[in-house]
Structure formats: structure tokens, C-alpha cells
C-alpha atoms as a PDB file:
ATOM      1  CA  MET A   1      77.609 109.758  45.660  1.00  0.00           C
ATOM      2  CA  ALA A   2      73.854 110.355  45.796  1.00  0.00           C
ATOM      3  CA  GLY A   3      73.334 107.198  43.722  1.00  0.00           C
ATOM      4  CA  LEU A   4      75.393 105.063  46.119  1.00  0.00           C
ATOM      5  CA  PRO A   5      73.637 105.392  49.470  1.00  0.00           C
ATOM      6  CA  TRP A   6      75.414 102.307  50.846  1.00  0.00           C
ATOM      7  CA  LEU A   7      78.657 104.326  50.979  1.00  0.00           C
ATOM      8  CA  ARG A   8      77.149 106.535  53.652  1.00  0.00           C
ATOM      9  CA  HIS A   9      76.864 103.503  55.952  1.00  0.00           C
ATOM     10  CA  ARG A  10      80.431 102.211  55.564  1.00  0.00           C
ATOM     11  CA  LYS A  11      82.076 104.757  57.852  1.00  0.00           C
ATOM     12  CA  ARG A  12      83.187 103.248  61.138  1.00  0.00           C
ATOM     13  CA  ASP A  13      84.059 105.093  64.320  1.00  0.00           C
ATOM     14  CA  ILE A  14      87.772 104.751  65.069  1.00  0.00           C
ATOM     15  CA  PRO A  15      88.571 104.606  68.789  1.00  0.00           C
ATOM     16  CA  GLY A  16      90.522 107.668  69.896  1.00  0.00           C
ATOM     17  CA  ASP A  17      93.008 105.627  71.915  1.00  0.00           C
ATOM     18  CA  LEU A  18      94.425 103.575  69.017  1.00  0.00           C
ATOM     19  CA  TRP A  19      97.206 106.060  68.282  1.00  0.00           C
ATOM     20  CA  VAL A  20      99.450 108.201  70.472  1.00  0.00           C
ATOM     21  CA  ARG A  21     101.421 111.276  69.389  1.00  0.00           C
ATOM     22  CA  CYS A  22     104.866 111.490  70.933  1.00  0.00           C
ATOM     23  CA  PRO A  23     105.354 114.962  72.475  1.00  0.00           C
ATOM     24  CA  ASP A  24     109.104 114.789  71.836  1.00  0.00           C
ATOM     25  CA  CYS A  25     109.441 113.737  68.179  1.00  0.00           C
ATOM     26  CA  ASP A  26     105.813 114.407  67.134  1.00  0.00           C
ATOM     27  CA  LYS A  27     105.529 110.968  65.531  1.00  0.00           C
ATOM     28  CA  THR A  28     102.246 109.058  65.684  1.00  0.00           C
ATOM     29  CA  ILE A  29     102.666 105.664  67.330  1.00  0.00           C
ATOM     30  CA  PHE A  30     100.311 102.708  67.444  1.00  0.00           C
ATOM     31  CA  ALA A  31      99.208 102.525  71.089  1.00  0.00           C
ATOM     32  CA  LYS A  32      99.819  98.780  71.351  1.00  0.00           C
ATOM     33  CA  ASP A  33     103.376  99.234  70.065  1.00  0.00           C
ATOM     34  CA  LEU A  34     103.980 101.901  72.700  1.00  0.00           C
ATOM     35  CA  GLU A  35     102.581  99.651  75.431  1.00  0.00           C
ATOM     36  CA  GLY A  36     104.731  96.765  74.209  1.00  0.00           C
ATOM     37  CA  ASN A  37     107.804  98.997  74.477  1.00  0.00           C
ATOM     38  CA  ARG A  38     107.015  99.971  78.106  1.00  0.00           C
ATOM     39  CA  LYS A  39     105.697 103.388  77.052  1.00  0.00           C
ATOM     40  CA  VAL A  40     109.040 104.333  75.494  1.00  0.00           C
ATOM     41  CA  CYS A  41     108.767 105.918  72.038  1.00  0.00           C
ATOM     42  CA  PRO A  42     110.284 103.494  69.483  1.00  0.00           C
ATOM     43  CA  GLU A  43     111.260 106.455  67.283  1.00  0.00           C
ATOM     44  CA  CYS A  44     113.094 108.806  69.661  1.00  0.00           C
ATOM     45  CA  GLY A  45     113.293 106.953  72.999  1.00  0.00           C
ATOM     46  CA  PHE A  46     111.105 109.469  74.856  1.00  0.00           C
ATOM     47  CA  HIS A  47     109.872 107.955  78.136  1.00  0.00           C
ATOM     48  CA  HIS A  48     106.143 108.647  78.353  1.00  0.00           C
ATOM     49  CA  PRO A  49     104.748 109.167  81.872  1.00  0.00           C
ATOM     50  CA  ILE A  50     103.271 106.063  83.482  1.00  0.00           C
ATOM     51  CA  SER A  51     101.054 105.521  86.514  1.00  0.00           C
ATOM     52  CA  SER A  52     102.203 104.026  89.790  1.00  0.00           C
ATOM     53  CA  HIS A  53     100.208 100.887  88.948  1.00  0.00           C
ATOM     54  CA  THR A  54     102.200 100.430  85.737  1.00  0.00           C
ATOM     55  CA  ARG A  55     105.484 101.318  87.423  1.00  0.00           C
ATOM     56  CA  ILE A  56     104.943  98.615  90.060  1.00  0.00           C
ATOM     57  CA  ALA A  57     104.104  96.058  87.371  1.00  0.00           C
ATOM     58  CA  TYR A  58     107.210  96.929  85.352  1.00  0.00           C
ATOM     59  CA  MET A  59     109.701  96.996  88.226  1.00  0.00           C
ATOM     60  CA  LEU A  60     108.669  94.387  90.786  1.00  0.00           C
ATOM     61  CA  ASP A  61     108.484  90.605  90.531  1.00  0.00           C
ATOM     62  CA  PRO A  62     104.958  89.407  89.688  1.00  0.00           C
ATOM     63  CA  ALA A  63     102.641  88.973  92.691  1.00  0.00           C
ATOM     64  CA  SER A  64     105.319  90.214  95.137  1.00  0.00           C
ATOM     65  CA  TRP A  65     103.759  93.632  95.897  1.00  0.00           C
ATOM     66  CA  ARG A  66     102.149  94.128  99.323  1.00  0.00           C
ATOM     67  CA  GLU A  67     100.999  97.717  99.853  1.00  0.00           C
ATOM     68  CA  HIS A  68     100.926  99.417 103.268  1.00  0.00           C
ATOM     69  CA  ASP A  69      98.702 102.241 104.565  1.00  0.00           C
ATOM     70  CA  VAL A  70      96.466 102.252 101.494  1.00  0.00           C
ATOM     71  CA  GLY A  71      93.704 104.283 103.135  1.00  0.00           C
ATOM     72  CA  MET A  72      95.807 107.148 104.524  1.00  0.00           C
ATOM     73  CA  GLU A  73      94.343 110.505 103.397  1.00  0.00           C
ATOM     74  CA  ALA A  74      95.273 114.177 103.713  1.00  0.00           C
ATOM     75  CA  VAL A  75      93.252 116.681 105.742  1.00  0.00           C
ATOM     76  CA  ASP A  76      92.677 120.347 104.963  1.00  0.00           C
ATOM     77  CA  ALA A  77      94.414 121.770 108.040  1.00  0.00           C
ATOM     78  CA  LEU A  78      94.633 125.295 106.574  1.00  0.00           C
ATOM     79  CA  GLY A  79      91.217 125.566 104.918  1.00  0.00           C
ATOM     80  CA  PHE A  80      93.041 126.266 101.649  1.00  0.00           C
ATOM     81  CA  THR A  81      91.153 127.471  98.555  1.00  0.00           C
ATOM     82  CA  ASP A  82      92.425 128.736  95.207  1.00  0.00           C
ATOM     83  CA  THR A  83      90.464 127.907  92.040  1.00  0.00           C
ATOM     84  CA  LYS A  84      88.601 125.328  94.141  1.00  0.00           C
ATOM     85  CA  PRO A  85      88.811 124.070  97.736  1.00  0.00           C
ATOM     86  CA  TYR A  86      91.708 121.757  98.569  1.00  0.00           C
ATOM     87  CA  PRO A  87      89.388 118.868  99.581  1.00  0.00           C
ATOM     88  CA  GLN A  88      87.764 119.066  96.144  1.00  0.00           C
ATOM     89  CA  LYS A  89      91.176 118.870  94.457  1.00  0.00           C
ATOM     90  CA  LEU A  90      91.982 115.799  96.528  1.00  0.00           C
ATOM     91  CA  ALA A  91      88.654 114.212  95.598  1.00  0.00           C
ATOM     92  CA  ASP A  92      89.204 114.961  91.887  1.00  0.00           C
ATOM     93  CA  SER A  93      92.677 113.387  91.961  1.00  0.00           C
ATOM     94  CA  ALA A  94      91.347 110.354  93.806  1.00  0.00           C
ATOM     95  CA  ALA A  95      88.592 109.879  91.225  1.00  0.00           C
ATOM     96  CA  ARG A  96      91.037 110.249  88.346  1.00  0.00           C
ATOM     97  CA  THR A  97      93.748 107.913  89.677  1.00  0.00           C
ATOM     98  CA  GLY A  98      91.923 105.527  91.986  1.00  0.00           C
ATOM     99  CA  LEU A  99      94.393 106.452  94.754  1.00  0.00           C
ATOM    100  CA  LYS A 100      93.994 108.088  98.145  1.00  0.00           C
ATOM    101  CA  GLU A 101      97.329 109.928  97.888  1.00  0.00           C
ATOM    102  CA  ALA A 102     100.323 110.469  95.620  1.00  0.00           C
ATOM    103  CA  MET A 103     102.721 108.134  97.457  1.00  0.00           C
ATOM    104  CA  ARG A 104     102.372 104.357  97.596  1.00  0.00           C
ATOM    105  CA  TYR A 105     104.723 102.114  99.520  1.00  0.00           C
ATOM    106  CA  GLY A 106     105.010  98.511 100.607  1.00  0.00           C
ATOM    107  CA  THR A 107     107.143  95.415 100.293  1.00  0.00           C
ATOM    108  CA  GLY A 108     108.038  93.499  97.167  1.00  0.00           C
ATOM    109  CA  ALA A 109     110.882  91.754  95.399  1.00  0.00           C
ATOM    110  CA  ILE A 110     113.142  92.387  92.427  1.00  0.00           C
ATOM    111  CA  GLU A 111     114.723  89.292  90.908  1.00  0.00           C
ATOM    112  CA  GLY A 112     113.789  87.413  94.066  1.00  0.00           C
ATOM    113  CA  ARG A 113     115.409  89.910  96.443  1.00  0.00           C
ATOM    114  CA  PRO A 114     113.071  91.421  99.057  1.00  0.00           C
ATOM    115  CA  LEU A 115     112.892  95.188  99.458  1.00  0.00           C
ATOM    116  CA  VAL A 116     110.731  98.078 100.570  1.00  0.00           C
ATOM    117  CA  PHE A 117     109.458  99.927  97.516  1.00  0.00           C
ATOM    118  CA  GLY A 118     107.759 103.305  97.205  1.00  0.00           C
ATOM    119  CA  VAL A 119     106.552 105.254  94.196  1.00  0.00           C
ATOM    120  CA  LEU A 120     105.053 108.696  93.621  1.00  0.00           C
ATOM    121  CA  ASP A 121     102.172 108.946  91.158  1.00  0.00           C
ATOM    122  CA  PHE A 122     102.426 112.237  89.241  1.00  0.00           C
ATOM    123  CA  GLY A 123      98.761 111.915  88.271  1.00  0.00           C
ATOM    124  CA  PHE A 124      97.753 112.687  91.858  1.00  0.00           C
ATOM    125  CA  MET A 125      98.233 116.444  92.243  1.00  0.00           C
ATOM    126  CA  GLY A 126     101.526 116.352  90.375  1.00  0.00           C
ATOM    127  CA  GLY A 127     103.077 113.930  92.855  1.00  0.00           C
ATOM    128  CA  SER A 128     103.367 116.821  95.308  1.00  0.00           C
ATOM    129  CA  MET A 129     104.624 116.132  98.831  1.00  0.00           C
ATOM    130  CA  GLY A 130     102.227 116.990 101.612  1.00  0.00           C
ATOM    131  CA  THR A 131     101.928 115.547 105.092  1.00  0.00           C
ATOM    132  CA  VAL A 132     100.653 112.157 103.951  1.00  0.00           C
ATOM    133  CA  VAL A 133     103.351 111.747 101.292  1.00  0.00           C
ATOM    134  CA  GLY A 134     106.010 112.722 103.828  1.00  0.00           C
ATOM    135  CA  GLU A 135     104.572 110.324 106.392  1.00  0.00           C
ATOM    136  CA  LYS A 136     104.460 107.460 103.898  1.00  0.00           C
ATOM    137  CA  VAL A 137     108.038 108.083 102.769  1.00  0.00           C
ATOM    138  CA  THR A 138     109.114 108.141 106.429  1.00  0.00           C
ATOM    139  CA  ARG A 139     107.216 104.935 107.180  1.00  0.00           C
ATOM    140  CA  ALA A 140     108.782 103.261 104.145  1.00  0.00           C
ATOM    141  CA  ILE A 141     112.247 104.195 105.416  1.00  0.00           C
ATOM    142  CA  GLU A 142     111.441 102.982 108.936  1.00  0.00           C
ATOM    143  CA  LEU A 143     109.967  99.739 107.617  1.00  0.00           C
ATOM    144  CA  ALA A 144     113.142  99.088 105.615  1.00  0.00           C
ATOM    145  CA  GLY A 145     115.158  99.576 108.797  1.00  0.00           C
ATOM    146  CA  GLU A 146     112.912  97.356 110.918  1.00  0.00           C
ATOM    147  CA  ARG A 147     112.940  94.518 108.389  1.00  0.00           C
ATOM    148  CA  ARG A 148     116.569  94.999 107.402  1.00  0.00           C
ATOM    149  CA  MET A 149     115.668  95.412 103.754  1.00  0.00           C
ATOM    150  CA  PRO A 150     117.049  97.698 101.048  1.00  0.00           C
ATOM    151  CA  LEU A 151     114.877 100.645 100.025  1.00  0.00           C
ATOM    152  CA  VAL A 152     113.950 101.808  96.511  1.00  0.00           C
ATOM    153  CA  LEU A 153     111.899 104.989  96.062  1.00  0.00           C
ATOM    154  CA  VAL A 154     110.691 106.387  92.729  1.00  0.00           C
ATOM    155  CA  ALA A 155     110.290 110.166  92.554  1.00  0.00           C
ATOM    156  CA  ALA A 156     108.006 111.969  90.102  1.00  0.00           C
ATOM    157  CA  SER A 157     106.945 115.264  91.624  1.00  0.00           C
ATOM    158  CA  GLY A 158     106.331 118.947  91.196  1.00  0.00           C
ATOM    159  CA  GLY A 159     107.652 119.510  94.728  1.00  0.00           C
ATOM    160  CA  ALA A 160     106.112 120.433  98.066  1.00  0.00           C
ATOM    161  CA  ARG A 161     102.308 120.731  98.206  1.00  0.00           C
ATOM    162  CA  MET A 162     101.683 124.405  98.846  1.00  0.00           C
ATOM    163  CA  HIS A 163      98.037 123.698  99.758  1.00  0.00           C
ATOM    164  CA  GLU A 164      99.449 122.533 103.106  1.00  0.00           C
ATOM    165  CA  GLY A 165     101.862 125.435 103.615  1.00  0.00           C
ATOM    166  CA  ILE A 166     104.655 124.993 106.136  1.00  0.00           C
ATOM    167  CA  LEU A 167     103.342 121.521 106.999  1.00  0.00           C
ATOM    168  CA  SER A 168     104.400 120.342 103.547  1.00  0.00           C
ATOM    169  CA  LEU A 169     107.856 121.918 103.831  1.00  0.00           C
ATOM    170  CA  MET A 170     108.404 120.170 107.173  1.00  0.00           C
ATOM    171  CA  GLN A 171     108.311 116.834 105.334  1.00  0.00           C
ATOM    172  CA  MET A 172     111.706 117.596 103.782  1.00  0.00           C
ATOM    173  CA  ALA A 173     113.442 117.570 107.161  1.00  0.00           C
ATOM    174  CA  LYS A 174     111.301 114.691 108.433  1.00  0.00           C
ATOM    175  CA  THR A 175     112.175 112.332 105.569  1.00  0.00           C
ATOM    176  CA  CYS A 176     115.864 113.244 105.626  1.00  0.00           C
ATOM    177  CA  ALA A 177     116.044 112.627 109.382  1.00  0.00           C
ATOM    178  CA  ALA A 178     114.540 109.175 108.857  1.00  0.00           C
ATOM    179  CA  LEU A 179     117.088 108.501 106.120  1.00  0.00           C
ATOM    180  CA  ALA A 180     119.937 109.514 108.435  1.00  0.00           C
ATOM    181  CA  ASP A 181     118.764 106.940 110.988  1.00  0.00           C
ATOM    182  CA  TYR A 182     118.407 104.308 108.263  1.00  0.00           C
ATOM    183  CA  ARG A 183     121.910 105.021 106.999  1.00  0.00           C
ATOM    184  CA  ASP A 184     123.314 104.721 110.546  1.00  0.00           C
ATOM    185  CA  GLN A 185     121.773 101.237 110.672  1.00  0.00           C
ATOM    186  CA  GLY A 186     123.671 100.295 107.514  1.00  0.00           C
ATOM    187  CA  GLY A 187     120.682 100.546 105.197  1.00  0.00           C
ATOM    188  CA  PHE A 188     120.961 100.728 101.412  1.00  0.00           C
ATOM    189  CA  PHE A 189     118.812 103.274  99.552  1.00  0.00           C
ATOM    190  CA  VAL A 190     118.376 103.603  95.787  1.00  0.00           C
ATOM    191  CA  SER A 191     116.477 106.600  94.406  1.00  0.00           C
ATOM    192  CA  LEU A 192     115.029 106.619  90.887  1.00  0.00           C
ATOM    193  CA  CYS A 193     114.212 110.091  89.531  1.00  0.00           C
ATOM    194  CA  VAL A 194     111.786 110.138  86.606  1.00  0.00           C
ATOM    195  CA  HIS A 195     110.331 113.029  84.637  1.00  0.00           C
ATOM    196  CA  PRO A 196     109.788 115.407  86.360  1.00  0.00           C
ATOM    197  CA  THR A 197     111.456 115.409  89.786  1.00  0.00           C
ATOM    198  CA  THR A 198     111.515 118.950  91.130  1.00  0.00           C
ATOM    199  CA  GLY A 199     111.083 121.219  94.140  1.00  0.00           C
ATOM    200  CA  GLY A 200     111.099 119.959  97.713  1.00  0.00           C
ATOM    201  CA  VAL A 201     111.261 116.300  96.708  1.00  0.00           C
ATOM    202  CA  THR A 202     114.501 116.931  94.826  1.00  0.00           C
ATOM    203  CA  ALA A 203     115.805 119.006  97.738  1.00  0.00           C
ATOM    204  CA  SER A 204     115.199 116.166 100.208  1.00  0.00           C
ATOM    205  CA  TRP A 205     114.939 112.394  99.921  1.00  0.00           C
ATOM    206  CA  ALA A 206     115.132 111.996  96.129  1.00  0.00           C
ATOM    207  CA  MET A 207     118.753 113.177  96.054  1.00  0.00           C
ATOM    208  CA  ALA A 208     119.844 111.756  99.418  1.00  0.00           C
ATOM    209  CA  ALA A 209     120.368 108.152  98.302  1.00  0.00           C
ATOM    210  CA  ASP A 210     123.359 105.833  98.203  1.00  0.00           C
ATOM    211  CA  VAL A 211     122.746 105.388  94.463  1.00  0.00           C
ATOM    212  CA  ILE A 212     120.745 107.871  92.357  1.00  0.00           C
ATOM    213  CA  LEU A 213     119.322 106.611  89.075  1.00  0.00           C
ATOM    214  CA  ALA A 214     117.336 108.499  86.443  1.00  0.00           C
ATOM    215  CA  GLU A 215     115.358 107.682  83.343  1.00  0.00           C
ATOM    216  CA  PRO A 216     116.650 109.241  80.097  1.00  0.00           C
ATOM    217  CA  GLY A 217     115.630 112.846  79.543  1.00  0.00           C
ATOM    218  CA  ALA A 218     114.130 113.302  83.020  1.00  0.00           C
ATOM    219  CA  LEU A 219     113.907 116.885  84.283  1.00  0.00           C
ATOM    220  CA  ILE A 220     115.535 116.932  87.730  1.00  0.00           C
ATOM    221  CA  GLY A 221     116.035 120.133  89.682  1.00  0.00           C
ATOM    222  CA  PHE A 222     114.696 122.499  92.310  1.00  0.00           C
ATOM    223  CA  ALA A 223     113.271 125.493  90.440  1.00  0.00           C
ATOM    224  CA  GLY A 224     112.366 124.982  86.780  1.00  0.00           C
ATOM    225  CA  PRO A 225     114.546 126.327  83.949  1.00  0.00           C
ATOM    226  CA  ARG A 226     112.103 129.113  83.043  1.00  0.00           C
ATOM    227  CA  VAL A 227     111.984 130.337  86.637  1.00  0.00           C
ATOM    228  CA  ILE A 228     115.786 130.337  86.855  1.00  0.00           C
ATOM    229  CA  GLU A 229     116.211 132.154  83.538  1.00  0.00           C
ATOM    230  CA  GLY A 230     113.650 134.740  84.613  1.00  0.00           C
ATOM    231  CA  THR A 231     115.485 135.271  87.897  1.00  0.00           C
ATOM    232  CA  ILE A 232     119.091 135.459  86.742  1.00  0.00           C
ATOM    233  CA  LYS A 233     118.254 137.035  83.346  1.00  0.00           C
ATOM    234  CA  LYS A 234     120.616 134.669  81.552  1.00  0.00           C
ATOM    235  CA  LYS A 235     120.150 131.871  79.044  1.00  0.00           C
ATOM    236  CA  LEU A 236     120.815 128.445  80.527  1.00  0.00           C
ATOM    237  CA  PRO A 237     123.040 125.902  78.739  1.00  0.00           C
ATOM    238  CA  PRO A 238     121.368 123.311  76.471  1.00  0.00           C
ATOM    239  CA  GLY A 239     119.946 120.346  78.341  1.00  0.00           C
ATOM    240  CA  PHE A 240     120.161 122.098  81.692  1.00  0.00           C
ATOM    241  CA  GLN A 241     118.583 120.038  84.524  1.00  0.00           C
ATOM    242  CA  ARG A 242     118.030 117.029  82.276  1.00  0.00           C
ATOM    243  CA  ALA A 243     119.309 113.652  83.469  1.00  0.00           C
ATOM    244  CA  GLU A 244     122.159 113.653  80.942  1.00  0.00           C
ATOM    245  CA  PHE A 245     123.361 117.086  82.134  1.00  0.00           C
ATOM    246  CA  LEU A 246     123.243 115.988  85.774  1.00  0.00           C
ATOM    247  CA  LEU A 247     125.169 112.801  85.020  1.00  0.00           C
ATOM    248  CA  GLU A 248     127.883 114.830  83.315  1.00  0.00           C
ATOM    249  CA  LYS A 249     128.102 117.091  86.394  1.00  0.00           C
ATOM    250  CA  GLY A 250     128.233 114.154  88.817  1.00  0.00           C
ATOM    251  CA  GLN A 251     124.876 114.783  90.509  1.00  0.00           C
ATOM    252  CA  ILE A 252     123.397 111.400  89.610  1.00  0.00           C
ATOM    253  CA  ASP A 253     125.083 108.025  89.238  1.00  0.00           C
ATOM    254  CA  LEU A 254     123.461 106.326  86.269  1.00  0.00           C
ATOM    255  CA  ILE A 255     120.853 106.817  83.539  1.00  0.00           C
ATOM    256  CA  VAL A 256     118.830 103.662  82.989  1.00  0.00           C
ATOM    257  CA  PRO A 257     116.243 103.116  80.229  1.00  0.00           C
ATOM    258  CA  ARG A 258     112.913 101.862  81.566  1.00  0.00           C
ATOM    259  CA  TYR A 259     113.248  98.396  80.038  1.00  0.00           C
ATOM    260  CA  GLU A 260     116.579  97.876  81.846  1.00  0.00           C
ATOM    261  CA  LEU A 261     115.460  99.077  85.288  1.00  0.00           C
ATOM    262  CA  ARG A 262     114.542  95.754  86.852  1.00  0.00           C
ATOM    263  CA  GLU A 263     117.790  94.112  85.752  1.00  0.00           C
ATOM    264  CA  THR A 264     119.855  97.102  86.917  1.00  0.00           C
ATOM    265  CA  LEU A 265     118.148  97.240  90.304  1.00  0.00           C
ATOM    266  CA  GLY A 266     118.532  93.490  90.706  1.00  0.00           C
ATOM    267  CA  ARG A 267     122.273  93.878  90.133  1.00  0.00           C
ATOM    268  CA  LEU A 268     122.508  96.772  92.613  1.00  0.00           C
ATOM    269  CA  LEU A 269     120.573  94.885  95.276  1.00  0.00           C
ATOM    270  CA  ARG A 270     123.097  92.074  95.130  1.00  0.00           C
ATOM    271  CA  TYR A 271     125.552  94.517  96.709  1.00  0.00           C
ATOM    272  CA  ALA A 272     123.120  95.594  99.428  1.00  0.00           C
ATOM    273  CA  PRO A 273     123.998  94.700 103.022  1.00  0.00           C
ATOM    274  CA  TYR A 274     120.283  94.131 103.620  1.00  0.00           C
ATOM    275  CA  GLY A 275     117.845  91.961 101.747  1.00  0.00           C
ATOM    276  CA  GLU A 276     119.908  88.869 101.014  1.00  0.00           C
ATOM    277  CA  PRO A 277     117.282  86.077 100.738  1.00  0.00           C
ATOM    278  CA  ASP A 278     119.323  83.636 102.860  1.00  0.00           C
ATOM    279  CA  ALA A 279     119.961  86.270 105.530  1.00  0.00           C
ATOM    280  CA  VAL A 280     116.289  87.233 105.705  1.00  0.00           C
ATOM    281  CA  ALA A 281     115.247  83.600 105.973  1.00  0.00           C
ATOM    282  CA  SER A 282     117.829  82.905 108.687  1.00  0.00           C
ATOM    283  CA  ALA A 283     116.789  85.932 110.725  1.00  0.00           C
ATOM    284  CA  SER A 284     113.132  84.954 110.432  1.00  0.00           C
ATOM    285  CA  SER A 285     113.661  81.299 111.335  1.00  0.00           C
ATOM    286  CA  ALA A 286     115.373  82.430 114.534  1.00  0.00           C
ATOM    287  CA  GLY A 287     112.056  83.902 115.694  1.00  0.00           C
ATOM    288  CA  SER A 288     109.441  82.014 117.689  1.00  0.00           C
ATOM    289  CA  ASP A 289     106.875  81.788 114.861  1.00  0.00           C
ATOM    290  CA  GLY A 290     109.223  80.478 112.161  1.00  0.00           C
ATOM    291  CA  GLN A 291     107.757  82.896 109.619  1.00  0.00           C
ATOM    292  CA  ALA A 292     109.704  85.065 107.179  1.00  0.00           C
ATOM    293  CA  ASP A 293     108.860  88.741 106.617  1.00  0.00           C
ATOM    294  CA  GLY A 294     105.482  89.154 104.998  1.00  0.00           C
ATOM    295  CA  GLY A 295     104.101  85.951 106.494  1.00  0.00           C
ATOM    296  CA  ALA A 296     105.743  83.511 104.069  1.00  0.00           C
ATOM    297  CA  PRO A 297     107.195  80.301 105.539  1.00  0.00           C
ATOM    298  CA  ALA A 298     110.908  80.588 106.215  1.00  0.00           C
ATOM    299  CA  ALA A 299     113.046  78.902 103.589  1.00  0.00           C
END
């Protein structure tokens, strides 16, 4: 080796993001293959977590997304501090995700059918529901009612945001009250629960839909399995709180792989009393400005 100094210069740095290890089957996957399969492991079917940006791109028609209330931010009403002050945690999450809060909502379309769409980003403080998340969910519901559109919300959450105390817990009642009004108007709500959907989000709007969908293997429940086992001092059945277990028990309606979500939602929206393209266009053309929802010319 000493006589071949050129060998010492042949080593090349390999980027650390070329390969991904699946946490479920422990296989190493080429990152581009995983991306091409919508972040679903080609070996075992494990659905890797994805950001809200990616979720919007996968589920909505291209260029149809119009986000509302982008700049809404939480305040530290309680002066909460644990390992670091709450405002610092918010700032860290914002820097990491590029978002102001965990919930994003707006209007879009799936297979040409208009809807109000909202999605929780687990990367922002575990998708926890504080006052801003609750307000955005409520505004999404109210917007769907005002525009006579169906509503699709994607839940990925650790539950209520305890940094905001009782103010976070109040969002459970607030969002469910808005949903009750929306349902009285004849609205159509589809909830998609992805891994994980737990705590106060599960106990409120995520499980209060007309149709509840889940991605394969998603953990869906209130308290986690370890907490329950520690409380009742009993071993839980295999697969407890996973999407497949909940489907068997009748708590969700359908398990849909990520690459089938847009097609499945498009089919469901065809049954919605709101959101029919012709109906939306007709309602808009009856107005004085002749403009459809979102500012597009009426068809």
C-alpha cells in the first residue's frame, strides 16, 4: 500500500442521504427508490412519515392548493418552560419545518373536485393541537360550510399541546362544535389518520368524520399501548391500536395505501353533496361578480 500512494486519493465521500434504513423491516433502501414509491418501503410496505408539503403534493391536483392563514402563530399565554421555554420550542420547530404552526389548511382539488383540505405536520412539535391548530381546524370546517365544499383533514399528532394547558384541551370541544354545525348544513367530512394519530386529536375531530380512512399500520388511539399496559397491568392483544385492528373492530372505515389515496378520495368525493364542479360553477355564476370560488372564472 505504501508503494501505491494513488490509492489513498481514490476514496470518495458518499452522501449520507443516498440510502435509508426501514425501521420496520430493517432493510436498506436506495433513497430514490423510496421517493419513487411515495415513501412506502418496497420490501415490507411500511409507510415512512412525510411532511405536509409532500402530503399536499401527493394528494391534491397539481397547482390547485391555496393556503389560508399562513402567518398565524401561537403565543405563550402560560409562560410555560420545561427543558426550554415554549417560545424557543416553537422557534426551533419553525426553523426545522419552515412552518409557523403544525396545521395547514386551504382549498384545493382532487381529480378536479374542489374541497377544503387540512393537514397536520408531525414535524412541528409532534403535530400537537394547541390554540392555533384548533383555530385553523375550526376555520377549515367553517370555510367548507361557507363555500359548500367537502372537507378532508389529515391527522398526524401526539395529541393536545400541554404547553398551552387547558387552552389546548378546549380545542377538542371547539372543533367538534364546528363539525356539528357543518354536519347540520349537510357537509361531507373525510378524515385520514396516519401514523401516529393519538391523544386529544383522536378524541375529537379525527374520529368524528363521515368516513374515516387510515394508512396501513398507523397507530391510532388515545393513550399509547405502553401507558395502557402500565395502567391495567395486562398484556394487550397483538396489533392493538393499529389501523388493521381498528378496522376489524369497526372503528375506522377503510385502510388505504398512500399510492391509492388520491383515487380513493376522488371516488368518495363523487358521493359528496357538496363540491360537485357543475354545482359550484352554477352557484358562483348566480352571484354579481360571475366568479367561481377561489377567483377562477365560472365555467
